[in-house]
Amino acid sequence: KEEFVKDYIYPTIASGAIYEGTYLLGTSMARPIIAKAQVEV
């Protein structure tokens, strides 16, 4: 949870990223941290 917000959500929203003018990428941002943790396991 903390890593997700600190290292993925915060950098993404700081960049101003918003997909097709409306979508704040909530699902998309979670995928890389989940994949990374899965590889670590």
PDB file of all heavy atoms in Angstrom:
ATOM      1  N   LYS A   1       0.820  -1.223   0.000  1.00  0.00           N
ATOM      2  CA  LYS A   1       0.000   0.000   0.000  1.00  0.00           C
ATOM      3  C   LYS A   1       0.849   1.266   0.000  1.00  0.00           C
ATOM      4  O   LYS A   1       0.641   2.166  -0.836  1.00  0.00           O
ATOM      5  CB  LYS A   1      -0.961  -0.010   1.199  1.00  0.00           C
ATOM      6  CG  LYS A   1      -2.005  -1.129   1.160  1.00  0.00           C
ATOM      7  CD  LYS A   1      -3.059  -0.959   2.220  1.00  0.00           C
ATOM      8  CE  LYS A   1      -2.537  -1.162   3.634  1.00  0.00           C
ATOM      9  NZ  LYS A   1      -2.124  -2.559   3.889  1.00  0.00           N
ATOM     10  N   GLU A   2       1.765   1.391   0.937  1.00  0.00           N
ATOM     11  CA  GLU A   2       2.569   2.622   1.007  1.00  0.00           C
ATOM     12  C   GLU A   2       3.452   2.779  -0.235  1.00  0.00           C
ATOM     13  O   GLU A   2       3.563   3.872  -0.798  1.00  0.00           O
ATOM     14  CB  GLU A   2       3.440   2.632   2.266  1.00  0.00           C
ATOM     15  CG  GLU A   2       2.694   2.973   3.544  1.00  0.00           C
ATOM     16  CD  GLU A   2       2.280   4.453   3.631  1.00  0.00           C
ATOM     17  OE1 GLU A   2       2.626   5.244   2.734  1.00  0.00           O
ATOM     18  OE2 GLU A   2       1.601   4.797   4.609  1.00  0.00           O
ATOM     19  N   GLU A   3       4.089   1.689  -0.646  1.00  0.00           N
ATOM     20  CA  GLU A   3       4.950   1.747  -1.819  1.00  0.00           C
ATOM     21  C   GLU A   3       4.151   2.111  -3.065  1.00  0.00           C
ATOM     22  O   GLU A   3       4.611   2.877  -3.917  1.00  0.00           O
ATOM     23  CB  GLU A   3       5.649   0.402  -2.019  1.00  0.00           C
ATOM     24  CG  GLU A   3       6.621   0.384  -3.186  1.00  0.00           C
ATOM     25  CD  GLU A   3       7.239  -0.987  -3.422  1.00  0.00           C
ATOM     26  OE1 GLU A   3       6.981  -1.909  -2.629  1.00  0.00           O
ATOM     27  OE2 GLU A   3       7.978  -1.126  -4.420  1.00  0.00           O
ATOM     28  N   PHE A   4       2.961   1.563  -3.173  1.00  0.00           N
ATOM     29  CA  PHE A   4       2.103   1.845  -4.322  1.00  0.00           C
ATOM     30  C   PHE A   4       1.810   3.334  -4.443  1.00  0.00           C
ATOM     31  O   PHE A   4       1.968   3.929  -5.515  1.00  0.00           O
ATOM     32  CB  PHE A   4       0.804   1.045  -4.174  1.00  0.00           C
ATOM     33  CG  PHE A   4      -0.238   1.312  -5.228  1.00  0.00           C
ATOM     34  CD1 PHE A   4       0.103   1.475  -6.562  1.00  0.00           C
ATOM     35  CD2 PHE A   4      -1.577   1.389  -4.872  1.00  0.00           C
ATOM     36  CE1 PHE A   4      -0.877   1.712  -7.526  1.00  0.00           C
ATOM     37  CE2 PHE A   4      -2.556   1.629  -5.825  1.00  0.00           C
ATOM     38  CZ  PHE A   4      -2.204   1.792  -7.161  1.00  0.00           C
ATOM     39  N   VAL A   5       1.412   3.958  -3.347  1.00  0.00           N
ATOM     40  CA  VAL A   5       1.070   5.379  -3.401  1.00  0.00           C
ATOM     41  C   VAL A   5       2.324   6.230  -3.585  1.00  0.00           C
ATOM     42  O   VAL A   5       2.365   7.134  -4.429  1.00  0.00           O
ATOM     43  CB  VAL A   5       0.300   5.816  -2.143  1.00  0.00           C
ATOM     44  CG1 VAL A   5      -0.101   7.293  -2.249  1.00  0.00           C
ATOM     45  CG2 VAL A   5      -0.956   4.956  -1.949  1.00  0.00           C
ATOM     46  N   LYS A   6       3.364   5.926  -2.822  1.00  0.00           N
ATOM     47  CA  LYS A   6       4.581   6.750  -2.834  1.00  0.00           C
ATOM     48  C   LYS A   6       5.337   6.664  -4.157  1.00  0.00           C
ATOM     49  O   LYS A   6       5.774   7.693  -4.696  1.00  0.00           O
ATOM     50  CB  LYS A   6       5.496   6.323  -1.685  1.00  0.00           C
ATOM     51  CG  LYS A   6       6.831   7.059  -1.624  1.00  0.00           C
ATOM     52  CD  LYS A   6       7.632   6.602  -0.412  1.00  0.00           C
ATOM     53  CE  LYS A   6       8.999   7.274  -0.341  1.00  0.00           C
ATOM     54  NZ  LYS A   6       9.905   6.764  -1.404  1.00  0.00           N
ATOM     55  N   ASP A   7       5.507   5.452  -4.689  1.00  0.00           N
ATOM     56  CA  ASP A   7       6.412   5.260  -5.818  1.00  0.00           C
ATOM     57  C   ASP A   7       5.725   5.120  -7.171  1.00  0.00           C
ATOM     58  O   ASP A   7       6.400   5.115  -8.211  1.00  0.00           O
ATOM     59  CB  ASP A   7       7.286   4.025  -5.579  1.00  0.00           C
ATOM     60  CG  ASP A   7       8.234   4.205  -4.399  1.00  0.00           C
ATOM     61  OD1 ASP A   7       8.492   5.362  -4.019  1.00  0.00           O
ATOM     62  OD2 ASP A   7       8.697   3.188  -3.847  1.00  0.00           O
ATOM     63  N   TYR A   8       4.406   5.006  -7.174  1.00  0.00           N
ATOM     64  CA  TYR A   8       3.699   4.839  -8.442  1.00  0.00           C
ATOM     65  C   TYR A   8       2.609   5.898  -8.633  1.00  0.00           C
ATOM     66  O   TYR A   8       2.586   6.594  -9.654  1.00  0.00           O
ATOM     67  CB  TYR A   8       3.103   3.422  -8.543  1.00  0.00           C
ATOM     68  CG  TYR A   8       4.176   2.357  -8.609  1.00  0.00           C
ATOM     69  CD1 TYR A   8       4.808   1.907  -7.445  1.00  0.00           C
ATOM     70  CD2 TYR A   8       4.595   1.820  -9.823  1.00  0.00           C
ATOM     71  CE1 TYR A   8       5.816   0.954  -7.499  1.00  0.00           C
ATOM     72  CE2 TYR A   8       5.602   0.862  -9.889  1.00  0.00           C
ATOM     73  CZ  TYR A   8       6.212   0.438  -8.718  1.00  0.00           C
ATOM     74  OH  TYR A   8       7.216  -0.502  -8.777  1.00  0.00           O
ATOM     75  N   ILE A   9       1.722   6.035  -7.636  1.00  0.00           N
ATOM     76  CA  ILE A   9       0.644   7.018  -7.769  1.00  0.00           C
ATOM     77  C   ILE A   9       1.189   8.441  -7.736  1.00  0.00           C
ATOM     78  O   ILE A   9       0.890   9.254  -8.624  1.00  0.00           O
ATOM     79  CB  ILE A   9      -0.415   6.822  -6.665  1.00  0.00           C
ATOM     80  CG1 ILE A   9      -1.156   5.494  -6.877  1.00  0.00           C
ATOM     81  CG2 ILE A   9      -1.404   7.995  -6.654  1.00  0.00           C
ATOM     82  CD1 ILE A   9      -2.159   5.172  -5.777  1.00  0.00           C
ATOM     83  N   TYR A  10       1.982   8.772  -6.723  1.00  0.00           N
ATOM     84  CA  TYR A  10       2.476  10.142  -6.593  1.00  0.00           C
ATOM     85  C   TYR A  10       3.282  10.600  -7.810  1.00  0.00           C
ATOM     86  O   TYR A  10       3.059  11.698  -8.334  1.00  0.00           O
ATOM     87  CB  TYR A  10       3.285  10.288  -5.304  1.00  0.00           C
ATOM     88  CG  TYR A  10       2.459  10.727  -4.102  1.00  0.00           C
ATOM     89  CD1 TYR A  10       1.081  10.533  -4.068  1.00  0.00           C
ATOM     90  CD2 TYR A  10       3.047  11.333  -3.004  1.00  0.00           C
ATOM     91  CE1 TYR A  10       0.324  10.932  -2.977  1.00  0.00           C
ATOM     92  CE2 TYR A  10       2.298  11.739  -1.904  1.00  0.00           C
ATOM     93  CZ  TYR A  10       0.942  11.535  -1.889  1.00  0.00           C
ATOM     94  OH  TYR A  10       0.194  11.942  -0.818  1.00  0.00           O
ATOM     95  N   PRO A  11       4.237   9.803  -8.311  1.00  0.00           N
ATOM     96  CA  PRO A  11       4.959  10.251  -9.506  1.00  0.00           C
ATOM     97  C   PRO A  11       4.054  10.404 -10.731  1.00  0.00           C
ATOM     98  O   PRO A  11       4.263  11.316 -11.545  1.00  0.00           O
ATOM     99  CB  PRO A  11       5.995   9.143  -9.735  1.00  0.00           C
ATOM    100  CG  PRO A  11       6.172   8.513  -8.399  1.00  0.00           C
ATOM    101  CD  PRO A  11       4.830   8.571  -7.748  1.00  0.00           C
ATOM    102  N   THR A  12       3.056   9.538 -10.858  1.00  0.00           N
ATOM    103  CA  THR A  12       2.179   9.604 -12.032  1.00  0.00           C
ATOM    104  C   THR A  12       1.297  10.845 -11.997  1.00  0.00           C
ATOM    105  O   THR A  12       1.182  11.563 -13.006  1.00  0.00           O
ATOM    106  CB  THR A  12       1.310   8.332 -12.135  1.00  0.00           C
ATOM    107  OG1 THR A  12       2.162   7.185 -12.234  1.00  0.00           O
ATOM    108  CG2 THR A  12       0.420   8.391 -13.363  1.00  0.00           C
ATOM    109  N   ILE A  13       0.682  11.124 -10.850  1.00  0.00           N
ATOM    110  CA  ILE A  13      -0.192  12.300 -10.813  1.00  0.00           C
ATOM    111  C   ILE A  13       0.635  13.587 -10.820  1.00  0.00           C
ATOM    112  O   ILE A  13       0.169  14.620 -11.296  1.00  0.00           O
ATOM    113  CB  ILE A  13      -1.174  12.272  -9.628  1.00  0.00           C
ATOM    114  CG1 ILE A  13      -0.457  12.289  -8.280  1.00  0.00           C
ATOM    115  CG2 ILE A  13      -2.105  11.076  -9.732  1.00  0.00           C
ATOM    116  CD1 ILE A  13      -1.413  12.425  -7.100  1.00  0.00           C
ATOM    117  N   ALA A  14       1.879  13.530 -10.319  1.00  0.00           N
ATOM    118  CA  ALA A  14       2.746  14.712 -10.403  1.00  0.00           C
ATOM    119  C   ALA A  14       3.059  15.053 -11.854  1.00  0.00           C
ATOM    120  O   ALA A  14       3.225  16.221 -12.208  1.00  0.00           O
ATOM    121  CB  ALA A  14       4.042  14.478  -9.626  1.00  0.00           C
ATOM    122  N   SER A  15       3.108  14.033 -12.702  1.00  0.00           N
ATOM    123  CA  SER A  15       3.383  14.267 -14.123  1.00  0.00           C
ATOM    124  C   SER A  15       2.191  14.878 -14.842  1.00  0.00           C
ATOM    125  O   SER A  15       2.328  15.392 -15.956  1.00  0.00           O
ATOM    126  CB  SER A  15       3.767  12.950 -14.814  1.00  0.00           C
ATOM    127  OG  SER A  15       2.619  12.142 -15.054  1.00  0.00           O
ATOM    128  N   GLY A  16       1.011  14.794 -14.217  1.00  0.00           N
ATOM    129  CA  GLY A  16      -0.201  15.302 -14.855  1.00  0.00           C
ATOM    130  C   GLY A  16      -0.864  14.303 -15.771  1.00  0.00           C
ATOM    131  O   GLY A  16      -1.810  14.639 -16.494  1.00  0.00           O
ATOM    132  N   ALA A  17      -0.418  13.053 -15.755  1.00  0.00           N
ATOM    133  CA  ALA A  17      -0.943  12.037 -16.668  1.00  0.00           C
ATOM    134  C   ALA A  17      -2.437  11.803 -16.446  1.00  0.00           C
ATOM    135  O   ALA A  17      -2.881  11.561 -15.320  1.00  0.00           O
ATOM    136  CB  ALA A  17      -0.179  10.732 -16.476  1.00  0.00           C
ATOM    137  N   ILE A  18      -3.196  11.864 -17.523  1.00  0.00           N
ATOM    138  CA  ILE A  18      -4.624  11.577 -17.489  1.00  0.00           C
ATOM    139  C   ILE A  18      -4.994  11.032 -18.867  1.00  0.00           C
ATOM    140  O   ILE A  18      -4.797  11.700 -19.879  1.00  0.00           O
ATOM    141  CB  ILE A  18      -5.451  12.818 -17.094  1.00  0.00           C
ATOM    142  CG1 ILE A  18      -6.944  12.484 -17.024  1.00  0.00           C
ATOM    143  CG2 ILE A  18      -5.174  13.997 -18.005  1.00  0.00           C
ATOM    144  CD1 ILE A  18      -7.780  13.581 -16.370  1.00  0.00           C
ATOM    145  N   TYR A  19      -5.484   9.806 -18.921  1.00  0.00           N
ATOM    146  CA  TYR A  19      -5.683   9.115 -20.189  1.00  0.00           C
ATOM    147  C   TYR A  19      -6.967   9.567 -20.874  1.00  0.00           C
ATOM    148  O   TYR A  19      -8.046   9.558 -20.285  1.00  0.00           O
ATOM    149  CB  TYR A  19      -5.722   7.605 -19.949  1.00  0.00           C
ATOM    150  CG  TYR A  19      -5.829   6.778 -21.213  1.00  0.00           C
ATOM    151  CD1 TYR A  19      -4.766   6.703 -22.111  1.00  0.00           C
ATOM    152  CD2 TYR A  19      -6.988   6.072 -21.507  1.00  0.00           C
ATOM    153  CE1 TYR A  19      -4.853   5.949 -23.264  1.00  0.00           C
ATOM    154  CE2 TYR A  19      -7.088   5.309 -22.656  1.00  0.00           C
ATOM    155  CZ  TYR A  19      -6.014   5.248 -23.534  1.00  0.00           C
ATOM    156  OH  TYR A  19      -6.112   4.498 -24.690  1.00  0.00           O
ATOM    157  N   GLU A  20      -6.824   9.958 -22.128  1.00  0.00           N
ATOM    158  CA  GLU A  20      -7.939  10.406 -22.962  1.00  0.00           C
ATOM    159  C   GLU A  20      -8.800  11.459 -22.276  1.00  0.00           C
ATOM    160  O   GLU A  20     -10.020  11.500 -22.422  1.00  0.00           O
ATOM    161  CB  GLU A  20      -8.773   9.213 -23.436  1.00  0.00           C
ATOM    162  CG  GLU A  20      -7.978   8.281 -24.334  1.00  0.00           C
ATOM    163  CD  GLU A  20      -8.781   7.216 -25.045  1.00  0.00           C
ATOM    164  OE1 GLU A  20      -9.871   6.863 -24.548  1.00  0.00           O
ATOM    165  OE2 GLU A  20      -8.322   6.728 -26.089  1.00  0.00           O
ATOM    166  N   GLY A  21      -8.118  12.303 -21.510  1.00  0.00           N
ATOM    167  CA  GLY A  21      -8.755  13.482 -20.951  1.00  0.00           C
ATOM    168  C   GLY A  21      -9.543  13.298 -19.680  1.00  0.00           C
ATOM    169  O   GLY A  21      -9.926  14.282 -19.035  1.00  0.00           O
ATOM    170  N   THR A  22      -9.783  12.048 -19.259  1.00  0.00           N
ATOM    171  CA  THR A  22     -10.638  11.840 -18.089  1.00  0.00           C
ATOM    172  C   THR A  22     -10.162  10.774 -17.112  1.00  0.00           C
ATOM    173  O   THR A  22     -10.440  10.869 -15.916  1.00  0.00           O
ATOM    174  CB  THR A  22     -12.070  11.447 -18.524  1.00  0.00           C
ATOM    175  OG1 THR A  22     -11.986  10.387 -19.490  1.00  0.00           O
ATOM    176  CG2 THR A  22     -12.817  12.618 -19.132  1.00  0.00           C
ATOM    177  N   TYR A  23      -9.452   9.758 -17.583  1.00  0.00           N
ATOM    178  CA  TYR A  23      -9.139   8.603 -16.739  1.00  0.00           C
ATOM    179  C   TYR A  23      -7.823   8.807 -16.002  1.00  0.00           C
ATOM    180  O   TYR A  23      -6.771   8.989 -16.622  1.00  0.00           O
ATOM    181  CB  TYR A  23      -9.091   7.348 -17.611  1.00  0.00           C
ATOM    182  CG  TYR A  23      -8.665   6.085 -16.906  1.00  0.00           C
ATOM    183  CD1 TYR A  23      -9.096   5.785 -15.615  1.00  0.00           C
ATOM    184  CD2 TYR A  23      -7.841   5.165 -17.546  1.00  0.00           C
ATOM    185  CE1 TYR A  23      -8.696   4.627 -14.984  1.00  0.00           C
ATOM    186  CE2 TYR A  23      -7.444   3.995 -16.931  1.00  0.00           C
ATOM    187  CZ  TYR A  23      -7.875   3.731 -15.644  1.00  0.00           C
ATOM    188  OH  TYR A  23      -7.481   2.578 -15.012  1.00  0.00           O
ATOM    189  N   LEU A  24      -7.877   8.744 -14.678  1.00  0.00           N
ATOM    190  CA  LEU A  24      -6.705   8.980 -13.838  1.00  0.00           C
ATOM    191  C   LEU A  24      -5.853   7.732 -13.617  1.00  0.00           C
ATOM    192  O   LEU A  24      -4.973   7.720 -12.761  1.00  0.00           O
ATOM    193  CB  LEU A  24      -7.138   9.567 -12.489  1.00  0.00           C
ATOM    194  CG  LEU A  24      -7.654  11.015 -12.544  1.00  0.00           C
ATOM    195  CD1 LEU A  24      -8.157  11.461 -11.180  1.00  0.00           C
ATOM    196  CD2 LEU A  24      -6.579  11.961 -13.040  1.00  0.00           C
ATOM    197  N   LEU A  25      -6.112   6.665 -14.376  1.00  0.00           N
ATOM    198  CA  LEU A  25      -5.185   5.534 -14.497  1.00  0.00           C
ATOM    199  C   LEU A  25      -5.086   4.678 -13.239  1.00  0.00           C
ATOM    200  O   LEU A  25      -4.046   4.069 -12.971  1.00  0.00           O
ATOM    201  CB  LEU A  25      -3.793   6.044 -14.911  1.00  0.00           C
ATOM    202  CG  LEU A  25      -3.741   6.750 -16.267  1.00  0.00           C
ATOM    203  CD1 LEU A  25      -2.474   7.609 -16.390  1.00  0.00           C
ATOM    204  CD2 LEU A  25      -3.774   5.726 -17.397  1.00  0.00           C
ATOM    205  N   GLY A  26      -6.167   4.609 -12.473  1.00  0.00           N
ATOM    206  CA  GLY A  26      -6.122   3.867 -11.213  1.00  0.00           C
ATOM    207  C   GLY A  26      -5.747   2.405 -11.356  1.00  0.00           C
ATOM    208  O   GLY A  26      -4.917   1.885 -10.602  1.00  0.00           O
ATOM    209  N   THR A  27      -6.351   1.699 -12.308  1.00  0.00           N
ATOM    210  CA  THR A  27      -6.007   0.295 -12.529  1.00  0.00           C
ATOM    211  C   THR A  27      -4.618   0.171 -13.119  1.00  0.00           C
ATOM    212  O   THR A  27      -3.812  -0.660 -12.695  1.00  0.00           O
ATOM    213  CB  THR A  27      -7.039  -0.364 -13.460  1.00  0.00           C
ATOM    214  OG1 THR A  27      -8.322  -0.374 -12.821  1.00  0.00           O
ATOM    215  CG2 THR A  27      -6.645  -1.802 -13.785  1.00  0.00           C
ATOM    216  N   SER A  28      -4.329   0.999 -14.108  1.00  0.00           N
ATOM    217  CA  SER A  28      -3.056   0.906 -14.834  1.00  0.00           C
ATOM    218  C   SER A  28      -1.861   1.083 -13.911  1.00  0.00           C
ATOM    219  O   SER A  28      -0.853   0.376 -14.036  1.00  0.00           O
ATOM    220  CB  SER A  28      -3.008   1.968 -15.937  1.00  0.00           C
ATOM    221  OG  SER A  28      -4.202   2.004 -16.680  1.00  0.00           O
ATOM    222  N   MET A  29      -1.941   2.038 -12.978  1.00  0.00           N
ATOM    223  CA  MET A  29      -0.807   2.312 -12.089  1.00  0.00           C
ATOM    224  C   MET A  29      -0.493   1.145 -11.163  1.00  0.00           C
ATOM    225  O   MET A  29       0.654   0.990 -10.728  1.00  0.00           O
ATOM    226  CB  MET A  29      -1.096   3.556 -11.245  1.00  0.00           C
ATOM    227  CG  MET A  29      -1.036   4.845 -12.009  1.00  0.00           C
ATOM    228  SD  MET A  29      -1.154   6.291 -10.924  1.00  0.00           S
ATOM    229  CE  MET A  29      -2.858   6.189 -10.370  1.00  0.00           C
ATOM    230  N   ALA A  30      -1.500   0.332 -10.853  1.00  0.00           N
ATOM    231  CA  ALA A  30      -1.285  -0.767  -9.909  1.00  0.00           C
ATOM    232  C   ALA A  30      -0.560  -1.946 -10.538  1.00  0.00           C
ATOM    233  O   ALA A  30       0.084  -2.739  -9.832  1.00  0.00           O
ATOM    234  CB  ALA A  30      -2.624  -1.228  -9.341  1.00  0.00           C
ATOM    235  N   ARG A  31      -0.648  -2.086 -11.850  1.00  0.00           N
ATOM    236  CA  ARG A  31      -0.115  -3.298 -12.490  1.00  0.00           C
ATOM    237  C   ARG A  31       1.398  -3.458 -12.359  1.00  0.00           C
ATOM    238  O   ARG A  31       1.871  -4.569 -12.086  1.00  0.00           O
ATOM    239  CB  ARG A  31      -0.556  -3.358 -13.951  1.00  0.00           C
ATOM    240  CG  ARG A  31      -2.065  -3.480 -14.155  1.00  0.00           C
ATOM    241  CD  ARG A  31      -2.719  -4.380 -13.143  1.00  0.00           C
ATOM    242  NE  ARG A  31      -4.126  -4.629 -13.357  1.00  0.00           N
ATOM    243  CZ  ARG A  31      -5.000  -4.712 -12.382  1.00  0.00           C
ATOM    244  NH1 ARG A  31      -4.618  -4.498 -11.113  1.00  0.00           N
ATOM    245  NH2 ARG A  31      -6.264  -4.997 -12.631  1.00  0.00           N
ATOM    246  N   PRO A  32       2.203  -2.424 -12.557  1.00  0.00           N
ATOM    247  CA  PRO A  32       3.650  -2.654 -12.462  1.00  0.00           C
ATOM    248  C   PRO A  32       4.123  -3.056 -11.076  1.00  0.00           C
ATOM    249  O   PRO A  32       5.007  -3.914 -10.953  1.00  0.00           O
ATOM    250  CB  PRO A  32       4.259  -1.317 -12.902  1.00  0.00           C
ATOM    251  CG  PRO A  32       3.162  -0.316 -12.824  1.00  0.00           C
ATOM    252  CD  PRO A  32       1.905  -1.065 -13.076  1.00  0.00           C
ATOM    253  N   ILE A  33       3.549  -2.485 -10.019  1.00  0.00           N
ATOM    254  CA  ILE A  33       4.008  -2.868  -8.682  1.00  0.00           C
ATOM    255  C   ILE A  33       3.561  -4.286  -8.345  1.00  0.00           C
ATOM    256  O   ILE A  33       4.283  -5.044  -7.689  1.00  0.00           O
ATOM    257  CB  ILE A  33       3.544  -1.855  -7.605  1.00  0.00           C
ATOM    258  CG1 ILE A  33       4.225  -2.175  -6.274  1.00  0.00           C
ATOM    259  CG2 ILE A  33       2.034  -1.822  -7.465  1.00  0.00           C
ATOM    260  CD1 ILE A  33       3.955  -1.165  -5.180  1.00  0.00           C
ATOM    261  N   ILE A  34       2.369  -4.676  -8.814  1.00  0.00           N
ATOM    262  CA  ILE A  34       1.910  -6.046  -8.588  1.00  0.00           C
ATOM    263  C   ILE A  34       2.809  -7.027  -9.331  1.00  0.00           C
ATOM    264  O   ILE A  34       3.235  -8.045  -8.778  1.00  0.00           O
ATOM    265  CB  ILE A  34       0.439  -6.204  -9.041  1.00  0.00           C
ATOM    266  CG1 ILE A  34      -0.486  -5.366  -8.160  1.00  0.00           C
ATOM    267  CG2 ILE A  34       0.019  -7.674  -8.988  1.00  0.00           C
ATOM    268  CD1 ILE A  34      -1.932  -5.327  -8.646  1.00  0.00           C
ATOM    269  N   ALA A  35       3.117  -6.712 -10.592  1.00  0.00           N
ATOM    270  CA  ALA A  35       3.973  -7.596 -11.379  1.00  0.00           C
ATOM    271  C   ALA A  35       5.361  -7.717 -10.750  1.00  0.00           C
ATOM    272  O   ALA A  35       5.935  -8.806 -10.688  1.00  0.00           O
ATOM    273  CB  ALA A  35       4.078  -7.069 -12.807  1.00  0.00           C
ATOM    274  N   LYS A  36       5.903  -6.598 -10.292  1.00  0.00           N
ATOM    275  CA  LYS A  36       7.233  -6.618  -9.668  1.00  0.00           C
ATOM    276  C   LYS A  36       7.235  -7.495  -8.413  1.00  0.00           C
ATOM    277  O   LYS A  36       8.145  -8.304  -8.205  1.00  0.00           O
ATOM    278  CB  LYS A  36       7.671  -5.197  -9.313  1.00  0.00           C
ATOM    279  CG  LYS A  36       9.052  -5.111  -8.661  1.00  0.00           C
ATOM    280  CD  LYS A  36       9.513  -3.674  -8.513  1.00  0.00           C
ATOM    281  CE  LYS A  36       8.786  -2.967  -7.381  1.00  0.00           C
ATOM    282  NZ  LYS A  36       9.258  -3.430  -6.038  1.00  0.00           N
ATOM    283  N   ALA A  37       6.214  -7.342  -7.583  1.00  0.00           N
ATOM    284  CA  ALA A  37       6.133  -8.141  -6.360  1.00  0.00           C
ATOM    285  C   ALA A  37       5.929  -9.620  -6.678  1.00  0.00           C
ATOM    286  O   ALA A  37       6.457 -10.495  -5.978  1.00  0.00           O
ATOM    287  CB  ALA A  37       5.000  -7.628  -5.480  1.00  0.00           C
ATOM    288  N   GLN A  38       5.177  -9.901  -7.739  1.00  0.00           N
ATOM    289  CA  GLN A  38       4.975 -11.300  -8.138  1.00  0.00           C
ATOM    290  C   GLN A  38       6.293 -11.936  -8.567  1.00  0.00           C
ATOM    291  O   GLN A  38       6.592 -13.081  -8.202  1.00  0.00           O
ATOM    292  CB  GLN A  38       3.954 -11.379  -9.270  1.00  0.00           C
ATOM    293  CG  GLN A  38       3.572 -12.812  -9.644  1.00  0.00           C
ATOM    294  CD  GLN A  38       2.474 -12.862 -10.699  1.00  0.00           C
ATOM    295  OE1 GLN A  38       1.925 -11.835 -11.102  1.00  0.00           O
ATOM    296  NE2 GLN A  38       2.143 -14.062 -11.156  1.00  0.00           N
ATOM    297  N   VAL A  39       7.084 -11.203  -9.305  1.00  0.00           N
ATOM    298  CA  VAL A  39       8.402 -11.695  -9.713  1.00  0.00           C
ATOM    299  C   VAL A  39       9.288 -11.913  -8.488  1.00  0.00           C
ATOM    300  O   VAL A  39      10.015 -12.924  -8.395  1.00  0.00           O
ATOM    301  CB  VAL A  39       9.066 -10.714 -10.698  1.00  0.00           C
ATOM    302  CG1 VAL A  39      10.544 -11.053 -10.893  1.00  0.00           C
ATOM    303  CG2 VAL A  39       8.334 -10.737 -12.036  1.00  0.00           C
ATOM    304  N   GLU A  40       9.223 -11.000  -7.527  1.00  0.00           N
ATOM    305  CA  GLU A  40      10.040 -11.138  -6.317  1.00  0.00           C
ATOM    306  C   GLU A  40       9.658 -12.400  -5.539  1.00  0.00           C
ATOM    307  O   GLU A  40      10.529 -13.103  -5.013  1.00  0.00           O
ATOM    308  CB  GLU A  40       9.881  -9.892  -5.449  1.00  0.00           C
ATOM    309  CG  GLU A  40      10.561  -8.661  -6.057  1.00  0.00           C
ATOM    310  CD  GLU A  40      10.204  -7.359  -5.350  1.00  0.00           C
ATOM    311  OE1 GLU A  40       9.309  -7.393  -4.468  1.00  0.00           O
ATOM    312  OE2 GLU A  40      10.800  -6.317  -5.684  1.00  0.00           O
ATOM    313  N   VAL A  41       8.353 -12.687  -5.451  1.00  0.00           N
ATOM    314  CA  VAL A  41       7.919 -13.929  -4.792  1.00  0.00           C
ATOM    315  C   VAL A  41       8.419 -15.136  -5.578  1.00  0.00           C
ATOM    316  O   VAL A  41       8.886 -16.132  -4.994  1.00  0.00           O
ATOM    317  CB  VAL A  41       6.386 -13.959  -4.644  1.00  0.00           C
ATOM    318  CG1 VAL A  41       5.913 -15.348  -4.188  1.00  0.00           C
ATOM    319  CG2 VAL A  41       5.929 -12.908  -3.651  1.00  0.00           C
TER     320      VAL A  41
END
